[in-house]
Each structure stands twice: as structure tokens, then as C-alpha cells.
Amino acid sequence: MQINLVAQNITLGERQKKTIEEKIQKLQKYADRIGDESTEVKVEISHTKTKKADDSITCQITIFAPRAVIRSETRKADVDLAIDRAYGKLITQIERYKARLHRTDKRGKLMPASTLEEATQIQEEPVEEPFEVPTIVKRKRFSDSRPMTEEEAIERMELIGHNAFLFNNSETKRYSLVYRRDNGFYGIIEPKMPGDEE
């Protein structure tokens, strides 16, 4: 396991760095594949001026594991709280990752355990609200064009801890957006093409 620690607008003490490294090393006990030499873990700690002092420290932990990217992010008032919270959320994400590995065939393709409607019954803990500044703070380029089912897209979205995920829908042959609704269920947004029925 390779650990990459990045601090932005904040200085981390040696004790904090050691604590972070020890916590990340402990993740190996939750899933064998997490401890692979090829697995990279990126820990980003940053300080941002926000309207709420409780949201000033952001901790994002991203695991680049075999066949998956697992991510958790949280905002708290201080570094230790942010690390503990992000670490706890990451364990939940790893459990999802393990369950997903057990449902793949030899080629790594997901074997659906249910339809999209049944998958919507999964309940996750509420996602923390982002800080209240109506500004675009990040822009990402979409590069994964591999076709996948709606259930696979939901799994990928949950593993990276996002509320929405753009994917190439293997059923409709179109790009679609799956998102988590406020009630815990999921929705799909698809582009309307000429010739589509109302």
C-alpha cells in the first residue's frame, strides 16, 4: 500500500501525520485487496475559509484499489475530527467494495443481485451538506466510456461517495446520470433524442 499525504493551506504536526498513517494501514484488515502493493491511498487535508467555522477543515481519503476507486470526504472544525469522521465513512465504503467483489465473475463483471428498483432500497447514512457558497469549486473530465448497467453505476457512485454518477448505459447505449434522491432512493436522467416517444 502506498500512502500519499497532501496538506493544503495547513501545516500538519508529526503526531497528526503518524496518526493518519497508522489509521490508513489499519484499513488492510477490512479487505485483503486494500493491502496490495498496487493500491494507492491519497489523503488530502485542507483548510478553507467558510461561513461556518465547523466546516473549515476538509479531509478526503481516496483509495485506488484493484477494479475500484473508494472515497470518503468530510468537513469538521479541526484536523483530528475530520480524519476520524472520514476514516469511519471509508470503512463503510470498503464493506460495499467487498460485497461488490463477491458479486463479480472471473472477468470482473458485476453479477446483478437485483434490479434497479430493488437496489434503491439500500439506505446509507445522510451525506453532509456542502458549505453554502454557490460557486463551482471543481470540474472533472469524464473518461470512462465502458458500458455498464444501471446497478453497476449505482455501485460505482456509492464506492466513490458521490450523490451522482455519469455513465454509458449498456441498455440504452446513451450516457445517463444516476443520482441519489433526498429520500434515499435513486433516479436516472437521460437525454431525450429525436424520435423518442413522449
Protein backbone atom coordinates (compact mmCIF):
# COMPACT_ATOMS: atom_id res chain seq x y z
CA MET A 1 0.00 0.00 0.00
CA GLN A 2 1.32 3.42 -0.99
CA ILE A 3 0.19 6.40 1.11
CA ASN A 4 0.30 9.91 -0.32
CA LEU A 5 -0.45 12.68 2.19
CA VAL A 6 -1.23 16.16 0.85
CA ALA A 7 -1.85 19.25 3.03
CA GLN A 8 -3.22 22.49 1.58
CA ASN A 9 -3.32 25.80 3.46
CA ILE A 10 -2.50 23.95 6.68
CA THR A 11 0.56 22.53 8.45
CA LEU A 12 0.25 19.06 9.93
CA GLY A 13 2.24 18.09 13.02
CA GLU A 14 4.32 14.92 13.18
CA ARG A 15 1.79 13.37 15.58
CA GLN A 16 -1.05 14.00 13.13
CA LYS A 17 0.94 12.56 10.22
CA LYS A 18 1.74 9.45 12.24
CA THR A 19 -1.91 9.06 13.29
CA ILE A 20 -3.07 9.32 9.68
CA GLU A 21 -0.55 6.73 8.50
CA GLU A 22 -1.48 4.30 11.30
CA LYS A 23 -5.19 4.61 10.52
CA ILE A 24 -4.65 4.03 6.81
CA GLN A 25 -2.51 0.94 7.50
CA LYS A 26 -5.35 -0.47 9.63
CA LEU A 27 -7.67 -0.40 6.60
CA GLN A 28 -5.94 -3.55 5.34
CA LYS A 29 -7.77 -5.67 7.90
CA TYR A 30 -11.14 -4.74 6.35
CA ALA A 31 -10.33 -6.08 2.86
CA ASP A 32 -7.39 -8.16 1.61
CA ARG A 33 -7.13 -6.31 -1.70
CA ILE A 34 -6.70 -2.97 0.09
CA GLY A 35 -3.25 -4.10 1.24
CA ASP A 36 -1.99 -4.86 -2.29
CA GLU A 37 1.26 -3.18 -3.31
CA SER A 38 -0.58 -1.71 -6.29
CA THR A 39 -3.11 0.03 -4.03
CA GLU A 40 -2.55 3.76 -3.60
CA VAL A 41 -4.17 5.81 -0.86
CA LYS A 42 -4.32 9.59 -1.16
CA VAL A 43 -5.15 11.61 1.95
CA GLU A 44 -5.89 15.30 1.38
CA ILE A 45 -6.26 17.68 4.32
CA SER A 46 -7.12 21.28 3.55
CA HIS A 47 -8.18 24.45 5.33
CA THR A 48 -10.76 26.70 3.66
CA LYS A 49 -12.43 29.87 4.85
CA THR A 50 -16.14 29.10 5.10
CA LYS A 51 -19.25 30.71 6.54
CA LYS A 52 -19.33 28.02 9.23
CA ALA A 53 -16.21 27.53 11.34
CA ASP A 54 -17.26 23.88 11.82
CA ASP A 55 -16.64 23.25 8.10
CA SER A 56 -13.19 24.82 7.77
CA ILE A 57 -11.16 21.57 7.69
CA THR A 58 -11.75 19.11 4.85
CA CYS A 59 -10.39 15.57 4.86
CA GLN A 60 -10.69 13.48 1.73
CA ILE A 61 -9.36 9.91 1.59
CA THR A 62 -9.23 8.16 -1.78
CA ILE A 63 -8.22 4.52 -2.25
CA PHE A 64 -7.20 3.45 -5.75
CA ALA A 65 -7.79 -0.29 -5.27
CA PRO A 66 -8.00 -3.14 -7.81
CA ARG A 67 -11.02 -2.52 -10.05
CA ALA A 68 -12.37 0.34 -7.90
CA VAL A 69 -11.89 3.83 -6.54
CA ILE A 70 -13.16 4.22 -2.97
CA ARG A 71 -13.54 7.69 -1.49
CA SER A 72 -14.81 9.43 1.62
CA GLU A 73 -14.86 13.11 2.44
CA THR A 74 -15.90 15.13 5.47
CA ARG A 75 -15.67 18.67 6.84
CA LYS A 76 -15.10 19.39 10.51
CA ALA A 77 -13.78 22.06 12.86
CA ASP A 78 -10.34 20.51 13.36
CA VAL A 79 -7.99 18.03 11.70
CA ASP A 80 -8.41 15.16 14.19
CA LEU A 81 -12.22 15.23 13.98
CA ALA A 82 -12.13 15.38 10.18
CA ILE A 83 -9.74 12.43 9.95
CA ASP A 84 -11.78 10.29 12.36
CA ARG A 85 -15.04 11.02 10.53
CA ALA A 86 -13.59 10.39 7.04
CA TYR A 87 -11.96 7.16 8.28
CA GLY A 88 -15.27 5.91 9.70
CA LYS A 89 -17.12 6.62 6.47
CA LEU A 90 -14.36 4.93 4.49
CA ILE A 91 -14.84 1.66 6.39
CA THR A 92 -18.48 1.65 5.26
CA GLN A 93 -17.35 2.20 1.67
CA ILE A 94 -14.84 -0.67 1.94
CA GLU A 95 -17.60 -3.01 3.12
CA ARG A 96 -19.52 -2.10 -0.05
CA TYR A 97 -16.38 -2.79 -2.07
CA LYS A 98 -16.00 -6.26 -0.51
CA ALA A 99 -19.64 -7.07 -1.22
CA ARG A 100 -19.16 -5.93 -4.81
CA LEU A 101 -16.07 -8.16 -5.28
CA HIS A 102 -18.09 -11.15 -4.12
CA ARG A 103 -20.61 -10.45 -6.86
CA THR A 104 -18.21 -10.36 -9.80
CA ASP A 105 -17.35 -13.11 -12.24
CA LYS A 106 -13.84 -14.15 -13.32
CA ARG A 107 -13.66 -11.25 -15.78
CA GLY A 108 -14.58 -8.74 -13.08
CA LYS A 109 -18.07 -8.10 -14.46
CA LEU A 110 -20.73 -7.36 -11.86
CA MET A 111 -23.36 -10.06 -11.45
CA PRO A 112 -26.53 -8.12 -10.56
CA ALA A 113 -28.15 -9.33 -7.36
CA SER A 114 -31.29 -7.32 -8.03
CA THR A 115 -32.99 -4.95 -10.40
CA LEU A 116 -32.55 -1.17 -10.18
CA GLU A 117 -35.84 -0.91 -8.25
CA GLU A 118 -34.62 -3.36 -5.59
CA ALA A 119 -31.23 -1.65 -5.41
CA THR A 120 -33.00 1.56 -4.47
CA GLN A 121 -33.95 0.02 -1.12
CA ILE A 122 -30.32 0.45 0.10
CA GLN A 123 -30.19 3.09 2.80
CA GLU A 124 -26.98 4.99 3.53
CA GLU A 125 -26.24 7.47 6.28
CA PRO A 126 -27.14 11.05 5.33
CA VAL A 127 -24.50 12.86 3.35
CA GLU A 128 -23.22 16.04 4.97
CA GLU A 129 -24.34 19.24 3.27
CA PRO A 130 -21.59 21.11 1.41
CA PHE A 131 -20.68 24.59 2.61
CA GLU A 132 -23.17 27.23 1.45
CA VAL A 133 -21.28 29.01 -1.31
CA PRO A 134 -22.97 28.81 -4.75
CA THR A 135 -19.69 28.55 -6.61
CA ILE A 136 -18.23 25.84 -8.86
CA VAL A 137 -15.15 24.65 -7.00
CA LYS A 138 -14.25 21.57 -9.05
CA ARG A 139 -14.60 20.43 -12.63
CA LYS A 140 -13.97 16.84 -13.74
CA ARG A 141 -13.49 15.31 -17.17
CA PHE A 142 -15.37 12.10 -17.86
CA SER A 143 -13.06 9.46 -19.34
CA ASP A 144 -14.59 6.06 -18.54
CA SER A 145 -16.75 5.18 -21.55
CA ARG A 146 -17.06 1.47 -20.74
CA PRO A 147 -20.76 0.49 -20.97
CA MET A 148 -22.29 -0.58 -17.66
CA THR A 149 -25.69 -1.44 -16.22
CA GLU A 150 -27.67 0.91 -14.00
CA GLU A 151 -26.86 -1.25 -10.96
CA GLU A 152 -23.12 -1.14 -11.74
CA ALA A 153 -23.36 2.66 -11.99
CA ILE A 154 -25.05 2.82 -8.56
CA GLU A 155 -22.28 0.65 -7.08
CA ARG A 156 -19.57 2.88 -8.60
CA MET A 157 -21.32 6.03 -7.33
CA GLU A 158 -21.61 4.65 -3.79
CA LEU A 159 -17.97 3.49 -3.73
CA ILE A 160 -16.69 6.98 -4.52
CA GLY A 161 -19.14 8.55 -2.07
CA HIS A 162 -20.83 10.87 -4.56
CA ASN A 163 -24.50 11.75 -4.99
CA ALA A 164 -24.42 11.46 -8.79
CA PHE A 165 -22.53 9.46 -11.42
CA LEU A 166 -22.35 9.85 -15.21
CA PHE A 167 -22.10 6.57 -17.12
CA ASN A 168 -22.52 4.91 -20.51
CA ASN A 169 -25.78 2.96 -20.15
CA SER A 170 -25.36 -0.54 -21.66
CA GLU A 171 -29.14 -0.89 -22.12
CA THR A 172 -29.94 2.41 -23.83
CA LYS A 173 -26.49 2.94 -25.46
CA ARG A 174 -26.61 6.53 -24.19
CA TYR A 175 -24.87 8.48 -21.46
CA SER A 176 -27.06 8.65 -18.37
CA LEU A 177 -26.80 10.23 -14.93
CA VAL A 178 -27.74 8.23 -11.85
CA TYR A 179 -28.29 10.26 -8.66
CA ARG A 180 -29.36 9.75 -5.07
CA ARG A 181 -32.64 11.42 -4.15
CA ASP A 182 -33.31 13.07 -0.77
CA ASN A 183 -35.50 10.13 0.28
CA GLY A 184 -32.61 7.65 -0.17
CA PHE A 185 -33.87 6.25 -3.47
CA TYR A 186 -32.18 6.68 -6.86
CA GLY A 187 -33.11 8.42 -10.09
CA ILE A 188 -31.84 8.31 -13.68
CA ILE A 189 -31.55 11.31 -16.00
CA GLU A 190 -31.24 10.55 -19.72
CA PRO A 191 -31.02 12.84 -22.76
CA LYS A 192 -34.08 12.90 -24.98
CA MET A 193 -33.22 12.07 -28.58
CA PRO A 194 -35.12 12.85 -31.79
CA GLY A 195 -37.66 10.12 -32.42
CA ASP A 196 -38.10 9.20 -28.75
CA GLU A 197 -41.68 8.61 -27.66
CA GLU A 198 -43.19 11.01 -25.12
